[in-house]
Amino acid sequence: MKKIFPIVLKVVAAFIMLQTLFFKFSGAQESIHLFTAIAGDNEAIMRIGTGTLELIAAILFFVPKKTWLGALLTIGLMSGAILSHITILGIEFNNDGGALFMSAIVTLLAGIILLIQNKKEIPFIGNTQ
């Protein structure tokens, strides 16, 4: 179980981030609407940029010795998503029943746990002896 739990966290967090990429990269109306509410005229930059960073974070989860970096990036991205929901979008956005907000919370928690589990890999912090 001790070896399976981190894998489950990585898969869940990566799946949540990767499932939204199609909408972000294809310019789906729901994604445009969401990022317009957050970034106004900079919607496309924010949408594509966020998608690109989420893709990088998901990949880093599965790169040996770089899980910590994927986790740190995920924590930053999901903190921004949660803050956007709390301050701009609302918990429930576009009648989704709070699904996007809850997905961000689950992904944030996975990122925090993975960062803690991989703290020894962080340069200048984890390798002090």
C-alpha atoms as a PDB file:
ATOM      1  CA  MET A   1       0.000   0.000   0.000  1.00  0.00           C
ATOM      2  CA  LYS A   2       2.878   2.351   0.792  1.00  0.00           C
ATOM      3  CA  LYS A   3       4.146   2.087  -2.803  1.00  0.00           C
ATOM      4  CA  ILE A   4       0.709   2.202  -4.424  1.00  0.00           C
ATOM      5  CA  PHE A   5      -0.592   5.344  -2.684  1.00  0.00           C
ATOM      6  CA  PRO A   6       1.868   7.762  -4.382  1.00  0.00           C
ATOM      7  CA  ILE A   7       1.103   6.196  -7.762  1.00  0.00           C
ATOM      8  CA  VAL A   8      -2.631   6.629  -7.163  1.00  0.00           C
ATOM      9  CA  LEU A   9      -2.075  10.277  -6.187  1.00  0.00           C
ATOM     10  CA  LYS A  10      -0.020  10.902  -9.332  1.00  0.00           C
ATOM     11  CA  VAL A  11      -2.573   9.227 -11.598  1.00  0.00           C
ATOM     12  CA  VAL A  12      -5.539  11.056 -10.036  1.00  0.00           C
ATOM     13  CA  ALA A  13      -3.869  14.477 -10.151  1.00  0.00           C
ATOM     14  CA  ALA A  14      -2.523  13.950 -13.674  1.00  0.00           C
ATOM     15  CA  PHE A  15      -5.892  12.657 -14.901  1.00  0.00           C
ATOM     16  CA  ILE A  16      -7.750  15.659 -13.520  1.00  0.00           C
ATOM     17  CA  MET A  17      -5.310  18.106 -15.115  1.00  0.00           C
ATOM     18  CA  LEU A  18      -5.042  16.240 -18.420  1.00  0.00           C
ATOM     19  CA  GLN A  19      -8.790  15.796 -18.911  1.00  0.00           C
ATOM     20  CA  THR A  20      -9.235  19.568 -19.170  1.00  0.00           C
ATOM     21  CA  LEU A  21      -6.506  20.050 -21.767  1.00  0.00           C
ATOM     22  CA  PHE A  22      -8.721  19.217 -24.727  1.00  0.00           C
ATOM     23  CA  PHE A  23     -11.093  22.007 -23.726  1.00  0.00           C
ATOM     24  CA  LYS A  24      -8.293  24.496 -23.085  1.00  0.00           C
ATOM     25  CA  PHE A  25      -6.306  23.761 -26.237  1.00  0.00           C
ATOM     26  CA  SER A  26      -9.278  23.376 -28.590  1.00  0.00           C
ATOM     27  CA  GLY A  27     -10.856  26.634 -27.491  1.00  0.00           C
ATOM     28  CA  ALA A  28     -14.053  25.049 -26.228  1.00  0.00           C
ATOM     29  CA  GLN A  29     -16.691  27.647 -25.388  1.00  0.00           C
ATOM     30  CA  GLU A  30     -16.835  26.597 -21.710  1.00  0.00           C
ATOM     31  CA  SER A  31     -13.095  27.113 -21.343  1.00  0.00           C
ATOM     32  CA  ILE A  32     -13.166  30.459 -23.151  1.00  0.00           C
ATOM     33  CA  HIS A  33     -16.035  31.598 -20.921  1.00  0.00           C
ATOM     34  CA  LEU A  34     -14.178  30.587 -17.744  1.00  0.00           C
ATOM     35  CA  PHE A  35     -10.872  32.219 -18.678  1.00  0.00           C
ATOM     36  CA  THR A  36     -12.584  35.352 -19.988  1.00  0.00           C
ATOM     37  CA  ALA A  37     -14.190  35.752 -16.566  1.00  0.00           C
ATOM     38  CA  ILE A  38     -10.736  35.463 -14.972  1.00  0.00           C
ATOM     39  CA  ALA A  39      -8.444  37.220 -17.459  1.00  0.00           C
ATOM     40  CA  GLY A  40     -10.676  39.321 -19.702  1.00  0.00           C
ATOM     41  CA  ASP A  41      -8.922  40.157 -22.972  1.00  0.00           C
ATOM     42  CA  ASN A  42      -5.970  37.954 -21.996  1.00  0.00           C
ATOM     43  CA  GLU A  43      -8.182  34.860 -21.984  1.00  0.00           C
ATOM     44  CA  ALA A  44      -6.288  32.955 -24.699  1.00  0.00           C
ATOM     45  CA  ILE A  45      -2.874  33.532 -23.131  1.00  0.00           C
ATOM     46  CA  MET A  46      -4.136  32.485 -19.717  1.00  0.00           C
ATOM     47  CA  ARG A  47      -6.035  29.450 -21.081  1.00  0.00           C
ATOM     48  CA  ILE A  48      -3.184  28.102 -23.226  1.00  0.00           C
ATOM     49  CA  GLY A  49      -0.544  29.005 -20.621  1.00  0.00           C
ATOM     50  CA  THR A  50      -2.424  27.251 -17.843  1.00  0.00           C
ATOM     51  CA  GLY A  51      -2.985  24.204 -20.026  1.00  0.00           C
ATOM     52  CA  THR A  52       0.689  24.055 -20.942  1.00  0.00           C
ATOM     53  CA  LEU A  53       1.766  24.287 -17.297  1.00  0.00           C
ATOM     54  CA  GLU A  54      -0.740  21.594 -16.296  1.00  0.00           C
ATOM     55  CA  LEU A  55       0.633  19.322 -19.013  1.00  0.00           C
ATOM     56  CA  ILE A  56       4.191  19.896 -17.777  1.00  0.00           C
ATOM     57  CA  ALA A  57       3.159  19.241 -14.161  1.00  0.00           C
ATOM     58  CA  ALA A  58       1.399  15.989 -15.104  1.00  0.00           C
ATOM     59  CA  ILE A  59       4.468  14.768 -17.001  1.00  0.00           C
ATOM     60  CA  LEU A  60       6.835  15.691 -14.158  1.00  0.00           C
ATOM     61  CA  PHE A  61       4.858  13.493 -11.750  1.00  0.00           C
ATOM     62  CA  PHE A  62       6.185  10.480 -13.642  1.00  0.00           C
ATOM     63  CA  VAL A  63       9.784  11.628 -14.165  1.00  0.00           C
ATOM     64  CA  PRO A  64      12.065  10.070 -11.551  1.00  0.00           C
ATOM     65  CA  LYS A  65      13.499  12.658  -9.145  1.00  0.00           C
ATOM     66  CA  LYS A  66      11.161  15.366 -10.543  1.00  0.00           C
ATOM     67  CA  THR A  67       7.879  14.439  -8.853  1.00  0.00           C
ATOM     68  CA  TRP A  68       8.539  17.211  -6.333  1.00  0.00           C
ATOM     69  CA  LEU A  69       8.686  19.754  -9.167  1.00  0.00           C
ATOM     70  CA  GLY A  70       5.423  18.522 -10.682  1.00  0.00           C
ATOM     71  CA  ALA A  71       3.859  18.657  -7.222  1.00  0.00           C
ATOM     72  CA  LEU A  72       5.106  22.197  -6.596  1.00  0.00           C
ATOM     73  CA  LEU A  73       3.820  23.360  -9.977  1.00  0.00           C
ATOM     74  CA  THR A  74       0.490  21.644  -9.296  1.00  0.00           C
ATOM     75  CA  ILE A  75       0.194  23.345  -5.909  1.00  0.00           C
ATOM     76  CA  GLY A  76       0.723  26.734  -7.554  1.00  0.00           C
ATOM     77  CA  LEU A  77      -1.727  26.057 -10.371  1.00  0.00           C
ATOM     78  CA  MET A  78      -4.453  24.650  -8.147  1.00  0.00           C
ATOM     79  CA  SER A  79      -4.016  27.419  -5.580  1.00  0.00           C
ATOM     80  CA  GLY A  80      -4.649  29.880  -8.392  1.00  0.00           C
ATOM     81  CA  ALA A  81      -7.676  27.908  -9.567  1.00  0.00           C
ATOM     82  CA  ILE A  82      -9.153  27.735  -6.063  1.00  0.00           C
ATOM     83  CA  LEU A  83      -8.490  31.424  -5.460  1.00  0.00           C
ATOM     84  CA  SER A  84     -10.158  32.248  -8.792  1.00  0.00           C
ATOM     85  CA  HIS A  85     -13.218  30.246  -7.782  1.00  0.00           C
ATOM     86  CA  ILE A  86     -13.416  31.913  -4.383  1.00  0.00           C
ATOM     87  CA  THR A  87     -12.893  35.483  -5.616  1.00  0.00           C
ATOM     88  CA  ILE A  88     -14.216  35.608  -9.197  1.00  0.00           C
ATOM     89  CA  LEU A  89     -16.017  32.520 -10.478  1.00  0.00           C
ATOM     90  CA  GLY A  90     -17.850  31.213  -7.448  1.00  0.00           C
ATOM     91  CA  ILE A  91     -17.715  27.664  -6.116  1.00  0.00           C
ATOM     92  CA  GLU A  92     -20.253  26.582  -8.712  1.00  0.00           C
ATOM     93  CA  PHE A  93     -19.400  27.823 -12.188  1.00  0.00           C
ATOM     94  CA  ASN A  94     -21.627  27.412 -15.229  1.00  0.00           C
ATOM     95  CA  ASN A  95     -24.004  25.101 -13.312  1.00  0.00           C
ATOM     96  CA  ASP A  96     -21.299  22.474 -12.751  1.00  0.00           C
ATOM     97  CA  GLY A  97     -22.371  21.777  -9.170  1.00  0.00           C
ATOM     98  CA  GLY A  98     -18.916  22.768  -7.933  1.00  0.00           C
ATOM     99  CA  ALA A  99     -17.171  19.993  -9.885  1.00  0.00           C
ATOM    100  CA  LEU A 100     -14.300  22.182 -11.122  1.00  0.00           C
ATOM    101  CA  PHE A 101     -13.748  23.602  -7.655  1.00  0.00           C
ATOM    102  CA  MET A 102     -13.729  20.151  -6.029  1.00  0.00           C
ATOM    103  CA  SER A 103     -11.381  18.826  -8.724  1.00  0.00           C
ATOM    104  CA  ALA A 104      -8.978  21.660  -7.944  1.00  0.00           C
ATOM    105  CA  ILE A 105      -9.104  20.835  -4.229  1.00  0.00           C
ATOM    106  CA  VAL A 106      -8.460  17.122  -4.821  1.00  0.00           C
ATOM    107  CA  THR A 107      -5.564  17.955  -7.148  1.00  0.00           C
ATOM    108  CA  LEU A 108      -4.132  20.478  -4.680  1.00  0.00           C
ATOM    109  CA  LEU A 109      -4.236  17.910  -1.864  1.00  0.00           C
ATOM    110  CA  ALA A 110      -2.534  15.314  -4.075  1.00  0.00           C
ATOM    111  CA  GLY A 111       0.156  17.860  -4.940  1.00  0.00           C
ATOM    112  CA  ILE A 112       0.749  18.726  -1.273  1.00  0.00           C
ATOM    113  CA  ILE A 113       1.032  15.078  -0.248  1.00  0.00           C
ATOM    114  CA  LEU A 114       3.358  14.274  -3.160  1.00  0.00           C
ATOM    115  CA  LEU A 115       5.558  17.269  -2.350  1.00  0.00           C
ATOM    116  CA  ILE A 116       5.860  16.142   1.266  1.00  0.00           C
ATOM    117  CA  GLN A 117       6.572  12.555   0.218  1.00  0.00           C
ATOM    118  CA  ASN A 118       9.295  13.724  -2.192  1.00  0.00           C
ATOM    119  CA  LYS A 119      10.845  16.505  -0.113  1.00  0.00           C
ATOM    120  CA  LYS A 120      14.215  14.727  -0.034  1.00  0.00           C
ATOM    121  CA  GLU A 121      14.514  15.246  -3.797  1.00  0.00           C
ATOM    122  CA  ILE A 122      14.198  19.042  -3.590  1.00  0.00           C
ATOM    123  CA  PRO A 123      17.591  20.660  -4.285  1.00  0.00           C
ATOM    124  CA  PHE A 124      19.008  22.777  -1.452  1.00  0.00           C
ATOM    125  CA  ILE A 125      16.259  21.607   0.923  1.00  0.00           C
ATOM    126  CA  GLY A 126      15.977  17.827   0.917  1.00  0.00           C
ATOM    127  CA  ASN A 127      19.593  16.910   0.307  1.00  0.00           C
ATOM    128  CA  THR A 128      21.069  18.613   3.362  1.00  0.00           C
ATOM    129  CA  GLN A 129      23.179  16.244   5.417  1.00  0.00           C
END
